[in-house]
């Protein structure tokens, strides 16, 4: 791995020692050939054909799929440029999990911490615009209920795809289901356009969402691009929100949790499923700390006595 590749592909020091597991030699050479320029498909094919012993178009398509290169639109025509390790790492963890898990656990934790800090840094402008009312939503903008999630899926007219959750694939802080990320967008540089994801029916998407809810995964969405089913220990928006001091604003708390102590039988289901330790079991008795609650609402769906309700 040359210093030029590290610079162009924006490889942080945390990842340098394992970069050969994440990108191939031919991909390294392509990064150096492209540098910071943009190429039309024809121009990139010519560049690859002259310098690499590969099948040009097939290689380019695979590099796009693997997040080595990105598409850009210039005057209504698609061009290509080098991506970055930040985007490549996510796809690597999602679709080459056996290689990701081979990496020393301590190093993976260090890389995960770098990633969440980088994610937070890249989100600062969007969060500020959201707070100032300049934009109405960013990714994973709102916590929504199970009912709202199912309604969102029912009302979708475009195709629905299922992918491994990038947060849980990278962080691996728990053993909750991974194949739960539901995508709707298919434009350039989306996972679907990169030929990842399995197309599924609305009914299958609903089934996945219901199972996710029962396993302790929360639902968040900005409606147009995705329905996220994630947890508090892995979710990058939630972890980034803590770094940026915008807890309960991203994902935004929309519903207030109302706990009826008289209806509670102290079964402990809420304490086991809560991602924020708002419900605590102590001496076989449940208590609720509203200040810790982010309003994700999955406690309501999993309370057997309906002791938990919502206020909008």
Foldseek 3Di string as FASTA:
>chain_A
DDPQLCVQQVPDPLCVVPVCLQDPPLLSVLCVQQRFHKAALVRQLVSCVVPHPDNRVVVVLLCLLQQQKFWDADPNGIIIGGGHPLVNVLSCLFPVVVSVVVPDPVSLQVVLVVNLQVVLVVCVVVLVCCVVVVDVADFLQAQDDLVVVLVLLVPDPAWKWWGFASQCSRNVPDDAGGRQKIWGDQDTPDNVVSVDTDTDHSVVNSVSSVVLLLRQWFWGGPSPTIIDTHACVRDSQNSSCVVVVNQCRRSPADKQKQAQQVQDPLPCSLCVRDRQNQWDQDPSGIDGNRVRDSNSPSSCVPRPRNRIDIDD
